[in-house]
Amino acid sequence: MINVMTIDGHKAVIEYDPELEMFRGEFISLNGGADFYATDVAGLAREGSTSLRVFFETCRANGVEPYKNFSGKFQARIPPKLHERAVTAAAARGVSLNQLLQIALEHEVLSPA
């Protein structure tokens, strides 16, 4: 199950909060908190839209860039044995470790669920 919902063109991760007995949504690519809560899908869409509107209004009023900047670089920590196997797999395929990681990530995030 993929717990991602698109609201007004923006993706939000949805999870259930058992303490509140509500669903919680959080927008992924925003440069700050714009989370929202509801008990059903229609409520999530409504509350998410309101949260976005308030977030963007606040960013405009304060001169803040609303979107995160993704540089294309990140650091990953994996077990040494997996690192060794990944280097071997990349070499066997004639690609760099970076290229192997890109291929694996594309497969994971672009494949239909």
PDB file of N, CA and C in Angstrom:
ATOM      1  N   MET A   1       0.846  -1.184   0.000  1.00  0.00           N
ATOM      2  CA  MET A   1       0.000   0.000   0.000  1.00  0.00           C
ATOM      3  C   MET A   1       0.886   1.240   0.000  1.00  0.00           C
ATOM      4  N   ILE A   2       0.603   2.155  -0.897  1.00  0.00           N
ATOM      5  CA  ILE A   2       1.323   3.425  -0.938  1.00  0.00           C
ATOM      6  C   ILE A   2       0.431   4.476  -0.307  1.00  0.00           C
ATOM      7  N   ASN A   3       0.926   5.090   0.733  1.00  0.00           N
ATOM      8  CA  ASN A   3       0.143   6.063   1.483  1.00  0.00           C
ATOM      9  C   ASN A   3       0.473   7.483   1.049  1.00  0.00           C
ATOM     10  N   VAL A   4       0.315   7.741  -0.237  1.00  0.00           N
ATOM     11  CA  VAL A   4       0.572   9.063  -0.791  1.00  0.00           C
ATOM     12  C   VAL A   4      -0.713   9.569  -1.422  1.00  0.00           C
ATOM     13  N   MET A   5      -1.025  10.809  -1.131  1.00  0.00           N
ATOM     14  CA  MET A   5      -2.238  11.433  -1.645  1.00  0.00           C
ATOM     15  C   MET A   5      -1.827  12.747  -2.316  1.00  0.00           C
ATOM     16  N   THR A   6      -2.387  13.028  -3.476  1.00  0.00           N
ATOM     17  CA  THR A   6      -2.105  14.292  -4.156  1.00  0.00           C
ATOM     18  C   THR A   6      -3.260  15.246  -3.880  1.00  0.00           C
ATOM     19  N   ILE A   7      -2.901  16.406  -3.336  1.00  0.00           N
ATOM     20  CA  ILE A   7      -3.890  17.436  -3.006  1.00  0.00           C
ATOM     21  C   ILE A   7      -3.443  18.728  -3.665  1.00  0.00           C
ATOM     22  N   ASP A   8      -4.274  19.263  -4.505  1.00  0.00           N
ATOM     23  CA  ASP A   8      -3.968  20.502  -5.233  1.00  0.00           C
ATOM     24  C   ASP A   8      -2.598  20.436  -5.907  1.00  0.00           C
ATOM     25  N   GLY A   9      -2.255  19.260  -6.450  1.00  0.00           N
ATOM     26  CA  GLY A   9      -0.997  19.080  -7.167  1.00  0.00           C
ATOM     27  C   GLY A   9       0.215  18.817  -6.299  1.00  0.00           C
ATOM     28  N   HIS A  10       0.028  18.683  -5.008  1.00  0.00           N
ATOM     29  CA  HIS A  10       1.137  18.459  -4.078  1.00  0.00           C
ATOM     30  C   HIS A  10       0.979  17.107  -3.398  1.00  0.00           C
ATOM     31  N   LYS A  11       2.073  16.346  -3.305  1.00  0.00           N
ATOM     32  CA  LYS A  11       2.023  15.017  -2.710  1.00  0.00           C
ATOM     33  C   LYS A  11       2.186  15.093  -1.195  1.00  0.00           C
ATOM     34  N   ALA A  12       1.354  14.299  -0.514  1.00  0.00           N
ATOM     35  CA  ALA A  12       1.411  14.214   0.940  1.00  0.00           C
ATOM     36  C   ALA A  12       1.450  12.742   1.344  1.00  0.00           C
ATOM     37  N   VAL A  13       2.247  12.435   2.349  1.00  0.00           N
ATOM     38  CA  VAL A  13       2.278  11.090   2.911  1.00  0.00           C
ATOM     39  C   VAL A  13       1.202  11.035   3.986  1.00  0.00           C
ATOM     40  N   ILE A  14       0.419   9.965   3.954  1.00  0.00           N
ATOM     41  CA  ILE A  14      -0.690   9.798   4.899  1.00  0.00           C
ATOM     42  C   ILE A  14      -0.383   8.634   5.830  1.00  0.00           C
ATOM     43  N   GLU A  15      -0.609   8.818   7.111  1.00  0.00           N
ATOM     44  CA  GLU A  15      -0.452   7.731   8.079  1.00  0.00           C
ATOM     45  C   GLU A  15      -1.564   7.821   9.110  1.00  0.00           C
ATOM     46  N   TYR A  16      -1.815   6.721   9.759  1.00  0.00           N
ATOM     47  CA  TYR A  16      -2.860   6.686  10.779  1.00  0.00           C
ATOM     48  C   TYR A  16      -2.234   6.920  12.143  1.00  0.00           C
ATOM     49  N   ASP A  17      -2.810   7.825  12.923  1.00  0.00           N
ATOM     50  CA  ASP A  17      -2.356   8.107  14.281  1.00  0.00           C
ATOM     51  C   ASP A  17      -3.328   7.447  15.251  1.00  0.00           C
ATOM     52  N   PRO A  18      -2.931   6.297  15.832  1.00  0.00           N
ATOM     53  CA  PRO A  18      -3.857   5.571  16.700  1.00  0.00           C
ATOM     54  C   PRO A  18      -4.212   6.328  17.988  1.00  0.00           C
ATOM     55  N   GLU A  19      -3.327   7.193  18.452  1.00  0.00           N
ATOM     56  CA  GLU A  19      -3.624   7.961  19.671  1.00  0.00           C
ATOM     57  C   GLU A  19      -4.763   8.942  19.439  1.00  0.00           C
ATOM     58  N   LEU A  20      -4.768   9.566  18.283  1.00  0.00           N
ATOM     59  CA  LEU A  20      -5.823  10.535  17.945  1.00  0.00           C
ATOM     60  C   LEU A  20      -7.002   9.886  17.230  1.00  0.00           C
ATOM     61  N   GLU A  21      -6.790   8.652  16.768  1.00  0.00           N
ATOM     62  CA  GLU A  21      -7.777   7.955  15.951  1.00  0.00           C
ATOM     63  C   GLU A  21      -8.159   8.785  14.726  1.00  0.00           C
ATOM     64  N   MET A  22      -7.106   9.321  14.097  1.00  0.00           N
ATOM     65  CA  MET A  22      -7.271  10.145  12.895  1.00  0.00           C
ATOM     66  C   MET A  22      -6.133   9.843  11.924  1.00  0.00           C
ATOM     67  N   PHE A  23      -6.352  10.224  10.684  1.00  0.00           N
ATOM     68  CA  PHE A  23      -5.291  10.151   9.687  1.00  0.00           C
ATOM     69  C   PHE A  23      -4.538  11.471   9.699  1.00  0.00           C
ATOM     70  N   ARG A  24      -3.214  11.374   9.526  1.00  0.00           N
ATOM     71  CA  ARG A  24      -2.363  12.562   9.489  1.00  0.00           C
ATOM     72  C   ARG A  24      -1.696  12.621   8.124  1.00  0.00           C
ATOM     73  N   GLY A  25      -1.720  13.789   7.512  1.00  0.00           N
ATOM     74  CA  GLY A  25      -1.050  14.001   6.237  1.00  0.00           C
ATOM     75  C   GLY A  25       0.068  15.007   6.402  1.00  0.00           C
ATOM     76  N   GLU A  26       1.131  14.792   5.654  1.00  0.00           N
ATOM     77  CA  GLU A  26       2.258  15.727   5.679  1.00  0.00           C
ATOM     78  C   GLU A  26       2.779  15.885   4.257  1.00  0.00           C
ATOM     79  N   PHE A  27       2.852  17.112   3.779  1.00  0.00           N
ATOM     80  CA  PHE A  27       3.343  17.376   2.438  1.00  0.00           C
ATOM     81  C   PHE A  27       4.851  17.173   2.398  1.00  0.00           C
ATOM     82  N   ILE A  28       5.315  16.551   1.331  1.00  0.00           N
ATOM     83  CA  ILE A  28       6.691  16.088   1.244  1.00  0.00           C
ATOM     84  C   ILE A  28       7.662  17.166   0.783  1.00  0.00           C
ATOM     85  N   SER A  29       7.332  17.894  -0.246  1.00  0.00           N
ATOM     86  CA  SER A  29       8.314  18.778  -0.878  1.00  0.00           C
ATOM     87  C   SER A  29       8.262  20.226  -0.390  1.00  0.00           C
ATOM     88  N   LEU A  30       7.562  20.453   0.692  1.00  0.00           N
ATOM     89  CA  LEU A  30       7.477  21.821   1.208  1.00  0.00           C
ATOM     90  C   LEU A  30       8.599  22.100   2.198  1.00  0.00           C
ATOM     91  N   ASN A  31       8.968  23.343   2.275  1.00  0.00           N
ATOM     92  CA  ASN A  31      10.077  23.780   3.103  1.00  0.00           C
ATOM     93  C   ASN A  31       9.605  24.157   4.511  1.00  0.00           C
ATOM     94  N   GLY A  32       8.729  23.368   5.075  1.00  0.00           N
ATOM     95  CA  GLY A  32       8.213  23.655   6.407  1.00  0.00           C
ATOM     96  C   GLY A  32       7.003  22.794   6.697  1.00  0.00           C
ATOM     97  N   GLY A  33       6.459  22.957   7.866  1.00  0.00           N
ATOM     98  CA  GLY A  33       5.339  22.135   8.296  1.00  0.00           C
ATOM     99  C   GLY A  33       4.013  22.581   7.715  1.00  0.00           C
ATOM    100  N   ALA A  34       3.369  21.664   7.053  1.00  0.00           N
ATOM    101  CA  ALA A  34       2.014  21.906   6.547  1.00  0.00           C
ATOM    102  C   ALA A  34       1.259  20.595   6.697  1.00  0.00           C
ATOM    103  N   ASP A  35       1.179  20.122   7.933  1.00  0.00           N
ATOM    104  CA  ASP A  35       0.500  18.853   8.149  1.00  0.00           C
ATOM    105  C   ASP A  35      -0.980  19.090   8.419  1.00  0.00           C
ATOM    106  N   PHE A  36      -1.762  18.013   8.374  1.00  0.00           N
ATOM    107  CA  PHE A  36      -3.202  18.131   8.519  1.00  0.00           C
ATOM    108  C   PHE A  36      -3.768  16.801   8.996  1.00  0.00           C
ATOM    109  N   TYR A  37      -4.933  16.852   9.609  1.00  0.00           N
ATOM    110  CA  TYR A  37      -5.574  15.673  10.192  1.00  0.00           C
ATOM    111  C   TYR A  37      -7.031  15.579   9.757  1.00  0.00           C
ATOM    112  N   ALA A  38      -7.521  14.346   9.645  1.00  0.00           N
ATOM    113  CA  ALA A  38      -8.942  14.122   9.350  1.00  0.00           C
ATOM    114  C   ALA A  38      -9.266  12.658   9.642  1.00  0.00           C
ATOM    115  N   THR A  39     -10.550  12.364   9.694  1.00  0.00           N
ATOM    116  CA  THR A  39     -10.986  10.998   9.980  1.00  0.00           C
ATOM    117  C   THR A  39     -11.318  10.209   8.720  1.00  0.00           C
ATOM    118  N   ASP A  40     -11.352  10.878   7.547  1.00  0.00           N
ATOM    119  CA  ASP A  40     -11.684  10.180   6.310  1.00  0.00           C
ATOM    120  C   ASP A  40     -11.002  10.845   5.118  1.00  0.00           C
ATOM    121  N   VAL A  41     -11.095  10.222   3.971  1.00  0.00           N
ATOM    122  CA  VAL A  41     -10.409  10.703   2.769  1.00  0.00           C
ATOM    123  C   VAL A  41     -10.907  12.081   2.348  1.00  0.00           C
ATOM    124  N   ALA A  42     -12.212  12.281   2.349  1.00  0.00           N
ATOM    125  CA  ALA A  42     -12.749  13.594   1.962  1.00  0.00           C
ATOM    126  C   ALA A  42     -12.244  14.675   2.910  1.00  0.00           C
ATOM    127  N   GLY A  43     -12.195  14.355   4.187  1.00  0.00           N
ATOM    128  CA  GLY A  43     -11.684  15.307   5.176  1.00  0.00           C
ATOM    129  C   GLY A  43     -10.210  15.597   4.972  1.00  0.00           C
ATOM    130  N   LEU A  44      -9.431  14.558   4.608  1.00  0.00           N
ATOM    131  CA  LEU A  44      -8.007  14.773   4.330  1.00  0.00           C
ATOM    132  C   LEU A  44      -7.828  15.735   3.164  1.00  0.00           C
ATOM    133  N   ALA A  45      -8.594  15.543   2.112  1.00  0.00           N
ATOM    134  CA  ALA A  45      -8.497  16.425   0.941  1.00  0.00           C
ATOM    135  C   ALA A  45      -8.848  17.861   1.316  1.00  0.00           C
ATOM    136  N   ARG A  46      -9.904  18.025   2.077  1.00  0.00           N
ATOM    137  CA  ARG A  46     -10.354  19.360   2.484  1.00  0.00           C
ATOM    138  C   ARG A  46      -9.323  20.022   3.412  1.00  0.00           C
ATOM    139  N   GLU A  47      -8.900  19.303   4.442  1.00  0.00           N
ATOM    140  CA  GLU A  47      -7.951  19.855   5.411  1.00  0.00           C
ATOM    141  C   GLU A  47      -6.584  20.090   4.776  1.00  0.00           C
ATOM    142  N   GLY A  48      -6.179  19.184   3.862  1.00  0.00           N
ATOM    143  CA  GLY A  48      -4.905  19.362   3.165  1.00  0.00           C
ATOM    144  C   GLY A  48      -4.907  20.608   2.313  1.00  0.00           C
ATOM    145  N   SER A  49      -5.998  20.848   1.627  1.00  0.00           N
ATOM    146  CA  SER A  49      -6.119  22.039   0.798  1.00  0.00           C
ATOM    147  C   SER A  49      -6.041  23.310   1.647  1.00  0.00           C
ATOM    148  N   THR A  50      -6.712  23.286   2.781  1.00  0.00           N
ATOM    149  CA  THR A  50      -6.662  24.439   3.699  1.00  0.00           C
ATOM    150  C   THR A  50      -5.249  24.639   4.230  1.00  0.00           C
ATOM    151  N   SER A  51      -4.595  23.547   4.614  1.00  0.00           N
ATOM    152  CA  SER A  51      -3.237  23.623   5.138  1.00  0.00           C
ATOM    153  C   SER A  51      -2.288  24.215   4.103  1.00  0.00           C
ATOM    154  N   LEU A  52      -2.426  23.785   2.845  1.00  0.00           N
ATOM    155  CA  LEU A  52      -1.596  24.337   1.773  1.00  0.00           C
ATOM    156  C   LEU A  52      -1.818  25.833   1.606  1.00  0.00           C
ATOM    157  N   ARG A  53      -3.085  26.234   1.570  1.00  0.00           N
ATOM    158  CA  ARG A  53      -3.399  27.650   1.376  1.00  0.00           C
ATOM    159  C   ARG A  53      -2.757  28.494   2.467  1.00  0.00           C
ATOM    160  N   VAL A  54      -2.916  28.089   3.722  1.00  0.00           N
ATOM    161  CA  VAL A  54      -2.352  28.837   4.850  1.00  0.00           C
ATOM    162  C   VAL A  54      -0.827  28.840   4.778  1.00  0.00           C
ATOM    163  N   PHE A  55      -0.237  27.687   4.444  1.00  0.00           N
ATOM    164  CA  PHE A  55       1.223  27.583   4.344  1.00  0.00           C
ATOM    165  C   PHE A  55       1.759  28.556   3.296  1.00  0.00           C
ATOM    166  N   PHE A  56       1.171  28.547   2.088  1.00  0.00           N
ATOM    167  CA  PHE A  56       1.646  29.436   1.026  1.00  0.00           C
ATOM    168  C   PHE A  56       1.416  30.908   1.362  1.00  0.00           C
ATOM    169  N   GLU A  57       0.306  31.224   1.992  1.00  0.00           N
ATOM    170  CA  GLU A  57       0.057  32.611   2.419  1.00  0.00           C
ATOM    171  C   GLU A  57       1.117  33.060   3.423  1.00  0.00           C
ATOM    172  N   THR A  58       1.453  32.196   4.363  1.00  0.00           N
ATOM    173  CA  THR A  58       2.459  32.520   5.378  1.00  0.00           C
ATOM    174  C   THR A  58       3.835  32.692   4.743  1.00  0.00           C
ATOM    175  N   CYS A  59       4.169  31.822   3.801  1.00  0.00           N
ATOM    176  CA  CYS A  59       5.459  31.948   3.108  1.00  0.00           C
ATOM    177  C   CYS A  59       5.541  33.269   2.353  1.00  0.00           C
ATOM    178  N   ARG A  60       4.467  33.617   1.632  1.00  0.00           N
ATOM    179  CA  ARG A  60       4.451  34.890   0.902  1.00  0.00           C
ATOM    180  C   ARG A  60       4.606  36.072   1.846  1.00  0.00           C
ATOM    181  N   ALA A  61       3.880  36.047   2.957  1.00  0.00           N
ATOM    182  CA  ALA A  61       3.918  37.165   3.909  1.00  0.00           C
ATOM    183  C   ALA A  61       5.295  37.334   4.541  1.00  0.00           C
ATOM    184  N   ASN A  62       6.032  36.224   4.676  1.00  0.00           N
ATOM    185  CA  ASN A  62       7.341  36.274   5.338  1.00  0.00           C
ATOM    186  C   ASN A  62       8.512  36.193   4.371  1.00  0.00           C
ATOM    187  N   GLY A  63       8.222  36.192   3.070  1.00  0.00           N
ATOM    188  CA  GLY A  63       9.292  36.130   2.073  1.00  0.00           C
ATOM    189  C   GLY A  63      10.096  34.841   2.121  1.00  0.00           C
ATOM    190  N   VAL A  64       9.434  33.742   2.424  1.00  0.00           N
ATOM    191  CA  VAL A  64      10.103  32.445   2.539  1.00  0.00           C
ATOM    192  C   VAL A  64       9.812  31.598   1.305  1.00  0.00           C
ATOM    193  N   GLU A  65      10.844  30.932   0.787  1.00  0.00           N
ATOM    194  CA  GLU A  65      10.672  29.999  -0.334  1.00  0.00           C
ATOM    195  C   GLU A  65       9.882  28.797   0.173  1.00  0.00           C
ATOM    196  N   PRO A  66       8.744  28.473  -0.441  1.00  0.00           N
ATOM    197  CA  PRO A  66       7.896  27.405   0.091  1.00  0.00           C
ATOM    198  C   PRO A  66       8.366  25.978  -0.218  1.00  0.00           C
ATOM    199  N   TYR A  67       9.245  25.818  -1.204  1.00  0.00           N
ATOM    200  CA  TYR A  67       9.633  24.474  -1.618  1.00  0.00           C
ATOM    201  C   TYR A  67      11.039  24.111  -1.162  1.00  0.00           C
ATOM    202  N   LYS A  68      11.226  22.839  -0.811  1.00  0.00           N
ATOM    203  CA  LYS A  68      12.549  22.315  -0.493  1.00  0.00           C
ATOM    204  C   LYS A  68      13.388  22.314  -1.760  1.00  0.00           C
ATOM    205  N   ASN A  69      14.675  22.470  -1.582  1.00  0.00           N
ATOM    206  CA  ASN A  69      15.611  22.389  -2.688  1.00  0.00           C
ATOM    207  C   ASN A  69      16.261  21.008  -2.638  1.00  0.00           C
ATOM    208  N   PHE A  70      16.057  20.201  -3.678  1.00  0.00           N
ATOM    209  CA  PHE A  70      16.668  18.889  -3.757  1.00  0.00           C
ATOM    210  C   PHE A  70      17.892  18.973  -4.662  1.00  0.00           C
ATOM    211  N   SER A  71      19.074  18.770  -4.092  1.00  0.00           N
ATOM    212  CA  SER A  71      20.319  18.929  -4.831  1.00  0.00           C
ATOM    213  C   SER A  71      20.654  17.737  -5.714  1.00  0.00           C
ATOM    214  N   GLY A  72      20.048  16.590  -5.438  1.00  0.00           N
ATOM    215  CA  GLY A  72      20.411  15.386  -6.168  1.00  0.00           C
ATOM    216  C   GLY A  72      21.518  14.619  -5.467  1.00  0.00           C
ATOM    217  N   LYS A  73      21.940  15.116  -4.314  1.00  0.00           N
ATOM    218  CA  LYS A  73      22.988  14.446  -3.533  1.00  0.00           C
ATOM    219  C   LYS A  73      22.413  14.079  -2.170  1.00  0.00           C
ATOM    220  N   PHE A  74      22.764  12.896  -1.702  1.00  0.00           N
ATOM    221  CA  PHE A  74      22.417  12.512  -0.338  1.00  0.00           C
ATOM    222  C   PHE A  74      23.382  11.442   0.117  1.00  0.00           C
ATOM    223  N   GLN A  75      23.478  11.283   1.398  1.00  0.00           N
ATOM    224  CA  GLN A  75      24.379  10.298   1.971  1.00  0.00           C
ATOM    225  C   GLN A  75      23.546   9.144   2.522  1.00  0.00           C
ATOM    226  N   ALA A  76      23.987   7.934   2.242  1.00  0.00           N
ATOM    227  CA  ALA A  76      23.268   6.759   2.735  1.00  0.00           C
ATOM    228  C   ALA A  76      24.198   5.936   3.615  1.00  0.00           C
ATOM    229  N   ARG A  77      23.640   5.381   4.671  1.00  0.00           N
ATOM    230  CA  ARG A  77      24.403   4.499   5.539  1.00  0.00           C
ATOM    231  C   ARG A  77      23.836   3.096   5.399  1.00  0.00           C
ATOM    232  N   ILE A  78      24.686   2.181   4.992  1.00  0.00           N
ATOM    233  CA  ILE A  78      24.272   0.792   4.814  1.00  0.00           C
ATOM    234  C   ILE A  78      25.294  -0.111   5.501  1.00  0.00           C
ATOM    235  N   PRO A  79      24.919  -1.343   5.776  1.00  0.00           N
ATOM    236  CA  PRO A  79      25.870  -2.270   6.398  1.00  0.00           C
ATOM    237  C   PRO A  79      27.087  -2.495   5.484  1.00  0.00           C
ATOM    238  N   PRO A  80      28.262  -2.647   6.054  1.00  0.00           N
ATOM    239  CA  PRO A  80      29.477  -2.846   5.253  1.00  0.00           C
ATOM    240  C   PRO A  80      29.374  -4.000   4.260  1.00  0.00           C
ATOM    241  N   LYS A  81      28.750  -5.092   4.646  1.00  0.00           N
ATOM    242  CA  LYS A  81      28.634  -6.237   3.747  1.00  0.00           C
ATOM    243  C   LYS A  81      27.769  -5.886   2.529  1.00  0.00           C
ATOM    244  N   LEU A  82      26.691  -5.134   2.740  1.00  0.00           N
ATOM    245  CA  LEU A  82      25.855  -4.694   1.620  1.00  0.00           C
ATOM    246  C   LEU A  82      26.636  -3.748   0.718  1.00  0.00           C
ATOM    247  N   HIS A  83      27.437  -2.872   1.306  1.00  0.00           N
ATOM    248  CA  HIS A  83      28.274  -1.948   0.544  1.00  0.00           C
ATOM    249  C   HIS A  83      29.216  -2.745  -0.362  1.00  0.00           C
ATOM    250  N   GLU A  84      29.847  -3.762   0.212  1.00  0.00           N
ATOM    251  CA  GLU A  84      30.767  -4.595  -0.557  1.00  0.00           C
ATOM    252  C   GLU A  84      30.045  -5.291  -1.716  1.00  0.00           C
ATOM    253  N   ARG A  85      28.873  -5.838  -1.436  1.00  0.00           N
ATOM    254  CA  ARG A  85      28.107  -6.535  -2.477  1.00  0.00           C
ATOM    255  C   ARG A  85      27.647  -5.560  -3.560  1.00  0.00           C
ATOM    256  N   ALA A  86      27.293  -4.345  -3.172  1.00  0.00           N
ATOM    257  CA  ALA A  86      26.866  -3.335  -4.149  1.00  0.00           C
ATOM    258  C   ALA A  86      28.020  -2.937  -5.059  1.00  0.00           C
ATOM    259  N   VAL A  87      29.200  -2.767  -4.504  1.00  0.00           N
ATOM    260  CA  VAL A  87      30.374  -2.433  -5.319  1.00  0.00           C
ATOM    261  C   VAL A  87      30.652  -3.560  -6.312  1.00  0.00           C
ATOM    262  N   THR A  88      30.562  -4.792  -5.843  1.00  0.00           N
ATOM    263  CA  THR A  88      30.778  -5.947  -6.714  1.00  0.00           C
ATOM    264  C   THR A  88      29.722  -5.993  -7.827  1.00  0.00           C
ATOM    265  N   ALA A  89      28.460  -5.793  -7.465  1.00  0.00           N
ATOM    266  CA  ALA A  89      27.379  -5.818  -8.454  1.00  0.00           C
ATOM    267  C   ALA A  89      27.561  -4.716  -9.492  1.00  0.00           C
ATOM    268  N   ALA A  90      27.961  -3.533  -9.045  1.00  0.00           N
ATOM    269  CA  ALA A  90      28.177  -2.426  -9.983  1.00  0.00           C
ATOM    270  C   ALA A  90      29.321  -2.754 -10.938  1.00  0.00           C
ATOM    271  N   ALA A  91      30.412  -3.256 -10.402  1.00  0.00           N
ATOM    272  CA  ALA A  91      31.560  -3.606 -11.244  1.00  0.00           C
ATOM    273  C   ALA A  91      31.190  -4.689 -12.251  1.00  0.00           C
ATOM    274  N   ALA A  92      30.421  -5.679 -11.805  1.00  0.00           N
ATOM    275  CA  ALA A  92      30.008  -6.766 -12.701  1.00  0.00           C
ATOM    276  C   ALA A  92      29.133  -6.250 -13.837  1.00  0.00           C
ATOM    277  N   ARG A  93      28.394  -5.177 -13.605  1.00  0.00           N
ATOM    278  CA  ARG A  93      27.526  -4.597 -14.631  1.00  0.00           C
ATOM    279  C   ARG A  93      28.234  -3.521 -15.450  1.00  0.00           C
ATOM    280  N   GLY A  94      29.445  -3.168 -15.037  1.00  0.00           N
ATOM    281  CA  GLY A  94      30.194  -2.143 -15.757  1.00  0.00           C
ATOM    282  C   GLY A  94      29.678  -0.739 -15.517  1.00  0.00           C
ATOM    283  N   VAL A  95      29.091  -0.521 -14.339  1.00  0.00           N
ATOM    284  CA  VAL A  95      28.592   0.807 -13.993  1.00  0.00           C
ATOM    285  C   VAL A  95      29.215   1.241 -12.661  1.00  0.00           C
ATOM    286  N   SER A  96      29.093   2.517 -12.361  1.00  0.00           N
ATOM    287  CA  SER A  96      29.585   3.017 -11.075  1.00  0.00           C
ATOM    288  C   SER A  96      28.588   2.662  -9.974  1.00  0.00           C
ATOM    289  N   LEU A  97      29.051   2.760  -8.758  1.00  0.00           N
ATOM    290  CA  LEU A  97      28.150   2.529  -7.626  1.00  0.00           C
ATOM    291  C   LEU A  97      27.006   3.547  -7.655  1.00  0.00           C
ATOM    292  N   ASN A  98      27.300   4.782  -8.023  1.00  0.00           N
ATOM    293  CA  ASN A  98      26.271   5.805  -8.129  1.00  0.00           C
ATOM    294  C   ASN A  98      25.223   5.422  -9.175  1.00  0.00           C
ATOM    295  N   GLN A  99      25.670   4.913 -10.330  1.00  0.00           N
ATOM    296  CA  GLN A  99      24.730   4.499 -11.376  1.00  0.00           C
ATOM    297  C   GLN A  99      23.878   3.321 -10.910  1.00  0.00           C
ATOM    298  N   LEU A 100      24.493   2.362 -10.199  1.00  0.00           N
ATOM    299  CA  LEU A 100      23.737   1.225  -9.681  1.00  0.00           C
ATOM    300  C   LEU A 100      22.668   1.696  -8.699  1.00  0.00           C
ATOM    301  N   LEU A 101      23.025   2.628  -7.835  1.00  0.00           N
ATOM    302  CA  LEU A 101      22.066   3.169  -6.875  1.00  0.00           C
ATOM    303  C   LEU A 101      20.925   3.885  -7.597  1.00  0.00           C
ATOM    304  N   GLN A 102      21.251   4.648  -8.628  1.00  0.00           N
ATOM    305  CA  GLN A 102      20.213   5.339  -9.396  1.00  0.00           C
ATOM    306  C   GLN A 102      19.262   4.337 -10.047  1.00  0.00           C
ATOM    307  N   ILE A 103      19.809   3.280 -10.629  1.00  0.00           N
ATOM    308  CA  ILE A 103      18.980   2.252 -11.256  1.00  0.00           C
ATOM    309  C   ILE A 103      18.057   1.617 -10.221  1.00  0.00           C
ATOM    310  N   ALA A 104      18.616   1.269  -9.060  1.00  0.00           N
ATOM    311  CA  ALA A 104      17.822   0.628  -8.008  1.00  0.00           C
ATOM    312  C   ALA A 104      16.730   1.568  -7.495  1.00  0.00           C
ATOM    313  N   LEU A 105      17.050   2.838  -7.296  1.00  0.00           N
ATOM    314  CA  LEU A 105      16.051   3.796  -6.816  1.00  0.00           C
ATOM    315  C   LEU A 105      14.963   4.019  -7.860  1.00  0.00           C
ATOM    316  N   GLU A 106      15.351   4.145  -9.123  1.00  0.00           N
ATOM    317  CA  GLU A 106      14.349   4.313 -10.176  1.00  0.00           C
ATOM    318  C   GLU A 106      13.405   3.115 -10.215  1.00  0.00           C
ATOM    319  N   HIS A 107      13.954   1.932 -10.080  1.00  0.00           N
ATOM    320  CA  HIS A 107      13.124   0.730 -10.070  1.00  0.00           C
ATOM    321  C   HIS A 107      12.146   0.758  -8.903  1.00  0.00           C
ATOM    322  N   GLU A 108      12.622   1.157  -7.747  1.00  0.00           N
ATOM    323  CA  GLU A 108      11.791   1.147  -6.534  1.00  0.00           C
ATOM    324  C   GLU A 108      10.721   2.240  -6.549  1.00  0.00           C
ATOM    325  N   VAL A 109      11.065   3.430  -6.968  1.00  0.00           N
ATOM    326  CA  VAL A 109      10.104   4.533  -6.867  1.00  0.00           C
ATOM    327  C   VAL A 109       9.278   4.761  -8.124  1.00  0.00           C
ATOM    328  N   LEU A 110       9.715   4.242  -9.258  1.00  0.00           N
ATOM    329  CA  LEU A 110       8.953   4.448 -10.482  1.00  0.00           C
ATOM    330  C   LEU A 110       8.102   3.252 -10.875  1.00  0.00           C
ATOM    331  N   SER A 111       8.336   2.100 -10.264  1.00  0.00           N
ATOM    332  CA  SER A 111       7.542   0.910 -10.573  1.00  0.00           C
ATOM    333  C   SER A 111       6.148   1.042  -9.974  1.00  0.00           C
ATOM    334  N   PRO A 112       5.150   0.540 -10.698  1.00  0.00           N
ATOM    335  CA  PRO A 112       3.790   0.568 -10.124  1.00  0.00           C
ATOM    336  C   PRO A 112       3.746  -0.294  -8.857  1.00  0.00           C
ATOM    337  N   ALA A 113       2.991   0.150  -7.894  1.00  0.00           N
ATOM    338  CA  ALA A 113       2.904  -0.565  -6.613  1.00  0.00           C
ATOM    339  C   ALA A 113       2.136  -1.847  -6.737  1.00  0.00           C
TER     340      ALA A 113
END
